[in-house]
Amino acid sequence: MISQWLVCYDVADNSARRALFASLSGYASPCQKSVFMLEMTLPEWQRLLPEWLKYIDSNDSLMIFPLAGVPTQLGSDHQRVAGIYLF
């Protein structure tokens, strides 16, 4: 099942920010420079999230909002782990 996600980030390091932008751009067009709307299946999501996390450090933020078609176990609670927010 394909789910829709809004992904936003705030990354201080220029190199990491450019790399994250390039990675996300491979799957969706940006709505703004650091905001993307993605449509992907859960297996795709599980494969790509670790790649994106390697660009985030303790001073950065990666915010992930489910929009449609998200299984309830992923979109039910607000969680924060090391600068990663899952709503």
N, C-alpha and C. Protein backbone atom coordinates (compact mmCIF):
# COMPACT_ATOMS: atom_id res chain seq x y z
N MET A 1 0.84 -1.17 0.00
CA MET A 1 0.00 0.00 0.00
C MET A 1 0.89 1.25 0.00
N ILE A 2 0.56 2.20 -0.83
CA ILE A 2 1.33 3.44 -0.90
C ILE A 2 0.80 4.43 0.12
N SER A 3 1.71 5.03 0.87
CA SER A 3 1.38 6.03 1.88
C SER A 3 1.98 7.37 1.47
N GLN A 4 1.37 8.44 1.96
CA GLN A 4 1.87 9.78 1.69
C GLN A 4 2.47 10.34 2.97
N TRP A 5 3.63 10.99 2.82
CA TRP A 5 4.37 11.53 3.95
C TRP A 5 4.83 12.95 3.63
N LEU A 6 4.84 13.80 4.63
CA LEU A 6 5.47 15.11 4.53
C LEU A 6 6.76 15.02 5.35
N VAL A 7 7.88 15.29 4.72
CA VAL A 7 9.18 15.20 5.37
C VAL A 7 9.82 16.58 5.35
N CYS A 8 10.22 17.08 6.52
CA CYS A 8 10.86 18.39 6.67
C CYS A 8 12.14 18.19 7.46
N TYR A 9 13.14 19.01 7.15
CA TYR A 9 14.38 18.88 7.90
C TYR A 9 15.03 20.23 8.11
N ASP A 10 15.86 20.28 9.14
CA ASP A 10 16.70 21.43 9.44
C ASP A 10 18.07 20.86 9.78
N VAL A 11 19.00 20.97 8.85
CA VAL A 11 20.34 20.38 8.99
C VAL A 11 21.36 21.51 8.90
N ALA A 12 22.20 21.64 9.91
CA ALA A 12 23.16 22.75 9.99
C ALA A 12 24.34 22.57 9.03
N ASP A 13 24.85 21.37 8.91
CA ASP A 13 26.03 21.12 8.09
C ASP A 13 25.67 21.19 6.60
N ASN A 14 26.34 22.06 5.86
CA ASN A 14 26.03 22.26 4.44
C ASN A 14 26.15 20.99 3.62
N SER A 15 27.21 20.24 3.85
CA SER A 15 27.44 19.00 3.10
C SER A 15 26.34 17.98 3.38
N ALA A 16 26.00 17.79 4.65
CA ALA A 16 24.95 16.85 5.02
C ALA A 16 23.60 17.31 4.48
N ARG A 17 23.34 18.62 4.54
CA ARG A 17 22.06 19.16 4.05
C ARG A 17 21.93 18.93 2.54
N ARG A 18 23.00 19.17 1.79
CA ARG A 18 22.97 18.94 0.34
C ARG A 18 22.77 17.45 0.03
N ALA A 19 23.43 16.59 0.77
CA ALA A 19 23.31 15.15 0.55
C ALA A 19 21.89 14.67 0.86
N LEU A 20 21.30 15.16 1.94
CA LEU A 20 19.93 14.78 2.28
C LEU A 20 18.97 15.29 1.22
N PHE A 21 19.16 16.53 0.78
CA PHE A 21 18.32 17.09 -0.28
C PHE A 21 18.41 16.23 -1.54
N ALA A 22 19.61 15.85 -1.93
CA ALA A 22 19.79 15.02 -3.12
C ALA A 22 19.13 13.66 -2.97
N SER A 23 19.25 13.06 -1.80
CA SER A 23 18.64 11.76 -1.57
C SER A 23 17.12 11.85 -1.64
N LEU A 24 16.54 12.82 -0.95
CA LEU A 24 15.09 12.98 -0.97
C LEU A 24 14.60 13.36 -2.37
N SER A 25 15.37 14.14 -3.09
CA SER A 25 14.97 14.55 -4.45
C SER A 25 14.88 13.37 -5.40
N GLY A 26 15.55 12.28 -5.07
CA GLY A 26 15.45 11.08 -5.89
C GLY A 26 14.10 10.40 -5.80
N TYR A 27 13.29 10.78 -4.82
CA TYR A 27 12.00 10.12 -4.59
C TYR A 27 10.82 11.07 -4.68
N ALA A 28 11.07 12.37 -4.65
CA ALA A 28 9.99 13.34 -4.68
C ALA A 28 10.53 14.71 -5.04
N SER A 29 9.66 15.57 -5.51
CA SER A 29 10.04 16.96 -5.76
C SER A 29 9.83 17.74 -4.47
N PRO A 30 10.75 18.65 -4.19
CA PRO A 30 10.57 19.44 -2.97
C PRO A 30 9.42 20.43 -3.10
N CYS A 31 8.68 20.61 -2.00
CA CYS A 31 7.66 21.66 -1.92
C CYS A 31 8.35 22.98 -1.63
N GLN A 32 9.40 22.92 -0.83
CA GLN A 32 10.31 24.02 -0.53
C GLN A 32 11.69 23.40 -0.44
N LYS A 33 12.71 24.17 -0.11
CA LYS A 33 14.07 23.62 -0.09
C LYS A 33 14.24 22.48 0.89
N SER A 34 13.52 22.51 2.00
CA SER A 34 13.70 21.46 3.01
C SER A 34 12.39 20.76 3.36
N VAL A 35 11.43 20.78 2.45
CA VAL A 35 10.13 20.15 2.66
C VAL A 35 9.79 19.31 1.44
N PHE A 36 9.48 18.04 1.67
CA PHE A 36 9.15 17.11 0.59
C PHE A 36 7.86 16.38 0.91
N MET A 37 7.08 16.09 -0.12
CA MET A 37 5.93 15.20 0.03
C MET A 37 6.27 13.94 -0.76
N LEU A 38 6.27 12.82 -0.05
CA LEU A 38 6.65 11.55 -0.65
C LEU A 38 5.48 10.59 -0.67
N GLU A 39 5.45 9.76 -1.70
CA GLU A 39 4.51 8.65 -1.77
C GLU A 39 5.34 7.39 -1.92
N MET A 40 5.21 6.49 -0.96
CA MET A 40 6.00 5.27 -1.01
C MET A 40 5.34 4.18 -0.16
N THR A 41 5.75 2.97 -0.44
CA THR A 41 5.25 1.84 0.32
C THR A 41 6.03 1.72 1.63
N LEU A 42 5.51 0.98 2.57
CA LEU A 42 6.19 0.78 3.84
C LEU A 42 7.57 0.13 3.65
N PRO A 43 7.74 -0.88 2.82
CA PRO A 43 9.08 -1.44 2.62
C PRO A 43 10.07 -0.41 2.05
N GLU A 44 9.60 0.45 1.15
CA GLU A 44 10.48 1.51 0.63
C GLU A 44 10.89 2.45 1.76
N TRP A 45 9.92 2.82 2.56
CA TRP A 45 10.16 3.72 3.69
C TRP A 45 11.19 3.13 4.65
N GLN A 46 11.02 1.86 4.99
CA GLN A 46 11.92 1.20 5.92
C GLN A 46 13.33 1.08 5.35
N ARG A 47 13.46 0.99 4.06
CA ARG A 47 14.77 0.90 3.42
C ARG A 47 15.46 2.27 3.36
N LEU A 48 14.70 3.33 3.13
CA LEU A 48 15.28 4.66 2.92
C LEU A 48 15.54 5.44 4.21
N LEU A 49 14.75 5.25 5.23
CA LEU A 49 14.90 6.02 6.46
C LEU A 49 16.31 5.92 7.05
N PRO A 50 16.92 4.74 7.15
CA PRO A 50 18.29 4.68 7.68
C PRO A 50 19.29 5.50 6.85
N GLU A 51 19.08 5.56 5.54
CA GLU A 51 19.96 6.36 4.70
C GLU A 51 19.83 7.85 5.07
N TRP A 52 18.61 8.32 5.26
CA TRP A 52 18.39 9.73 5.60
C TRP A 52 18.91 10.05 7.00
N LEU A 53 18.80 9.12 7.91
CA LEU A 53 19.23 9.37 9.29
C LEU A 53 20.73 9.60 9.41
N LYS A 54 21.50 9.07 8.50
CA LYS A 54 22.96 9.26 8.60
C LYS A 54 23.37 10.71 8.37
N TYR A 55 22.47 11.54 7.86
CA TYR A 55 22.78 12.96 7.64
C TYR A 55 22.35 13.84 8.81
N ILE A 56 21.72 13.28 9.82
CA ILE A 56 21.16 14.03 10.94
C ILE A 56 22.04 13.85 12.17
N ASP A 57 22.44 14.96 12.80
CA ASP A 57 23.15 14.83 14.08
C ASP A 57 22.29 15.41 15.19
N SER A 58 22.83 15.48 16.38
CA SER A 58 22.03 15.84 17.56
C SER A 58 21.52 17.28 17.53
N ASN A 59 22.10 18.15 16.72
CA ASN A 59 21.64 19.53 16.62
C ASN A 59 20.65 19.75 15.49
N ASP A 60 20.37 18.72 14.71
CA ASP A 60 19.49 18.81 13.55
C ASP A 60 18.11 18.26 13.86
N SER A 61 17.20 18.48 12.92
CA SER A 61 15.84 17.93 13.05
C SER A 61 15.42 17.31 11.73
N LEU A 62 14.74 16.18 11.82
CA LEU A 62 14.07 15.55 10.70
C LEU A 62 12.66 15.28 11.18
N MET A 63 11.68 15.92 10.56
CA MET A 63 10.28 15.77 10.99
C MET A 63 9.52 15.04 9.91
N ILE A 64 8.76 14.03 10.33
CA ILE A 64 8.06 13.16 9.40
C ILE A 64 6.58 13.13 9.80
N PHE A 65 5.72 13.55 8.88
CA PHE A 65 4.29 13.62 9.14
C PHE A 65 3.55 12.68 8.19
N PRO A 66 2.76 11.74 8.71
CA PRO A 66 1.95 10.91 7.82
C PRO A 66 0.77 11.73 7.29
N LEU A 67 0.47 11.57 6.00
CA LEU A 67 -0.65 12.31 5.41
C LEU A 67 -1.82 11.40 5.05
N ALA A 68 -1.54 10.28 4.40
CA ALA A 68 -2.62 9.38 3.98
C ALA A 68 -2.07 7.97 3.79
N GLY A 69 -2.88 6.99 4.18
CA GLY A 69 -2.52 5.60 3.95
C GLY A 69 -1.45 5.05 4.86
N VAL A 70 -1.19 5.72 5.98
CA VAL A 70 -0.13 5.28 6.88
C VAL A 70 -0.70 4.30 7.91
N PRO A 71 -0.05 3.14 8.08
CA PRO A 71 -0.50 2.22 9.13
C PRO A 71 -0.51 2.92 10.49
N THR A 72 -1.49 2.61 11.31
CA THR A 72 -1.66 3.32 12.58
C THR A 72 -0.46 3.19 13.49
N GLN A 73 0.27 2.09 13.45
CA GLN A 73 1.41 1.95 14.35
C GLN A 73 2.52 2.93 14.00
N LEU A 74 2.53 3.48 12.80
CA LEU A 74 3.55 4.45 12.43
C LEU A 74 3.11 5.88 12.65
N GLY A 75 1.81 6.16 12.56
CA GLY A 75 1.37 7.54 12.62
C GLY A 75 0.56 7.91 13.83
N SER A 76 0.59 7.09 14.87
CA SER A 76 -0.31 7.32 15.99
C SER A 76 0.24 8.26 17.06
N ASP A 77 1.53 8.28 17.26
CA ASP A 77 2.11 9.05 18.36
C ASP A 77 3.24 9.94 17.88
N HIS A 78 3.47 10.99 18.63
CA HIS A 78 4.61 11.86 18.37
C HIS A 78 5.79 11.26 19.11
N GLN A 79 6.85 10.98 18.38
CA GLN A 79 8.04 10.40 18.99
C GLN A 79 9.24 11.24 18.58
N ARG A 80 10.20 11.38 19.47
CA ARG A 80 11.44 12.07 19.13
C ARG A 80 12.60 11.22 19.60
N VAL A 81 13.50 10.95 18.67
CA VAL A 81 14.70 10.20 18.99
C VAL A 81 15.85 10.90 18.27
N ALA A 82 16.77 11.47 19.02
CA ALA A 82 17.99 12.10 18.49
C ALA A 82 17.70 13.03 17.31
N GLY A 83 16.77 13.95 17.50
CA GLY A 83 16.48 14.93 16.47
C GLY A 83 15.51 14.47 15.40
N ILE A 84 14.99 13.25 15.53
CA ILE A 84 14.05 12.72 14.56
C ILE A 84 12.66 12.78 15.17
N TYR A 85 11.75 13.41 14.49
CA TYR A 85 10.37 13.51 14.96
C TYR A 85 9.49 12.69 14.03
N LEU A 86 8.70 11.80 14.60
CA LEU A 86 7.72 11.04 13.84
C LEU A 86 6.36 11.35 14.44
N PHE A 87 5.50 11.93 13.65
CA PHE A 87 4.17 12.33 14.13
C PHE A 87 3.14 11.33 13.68
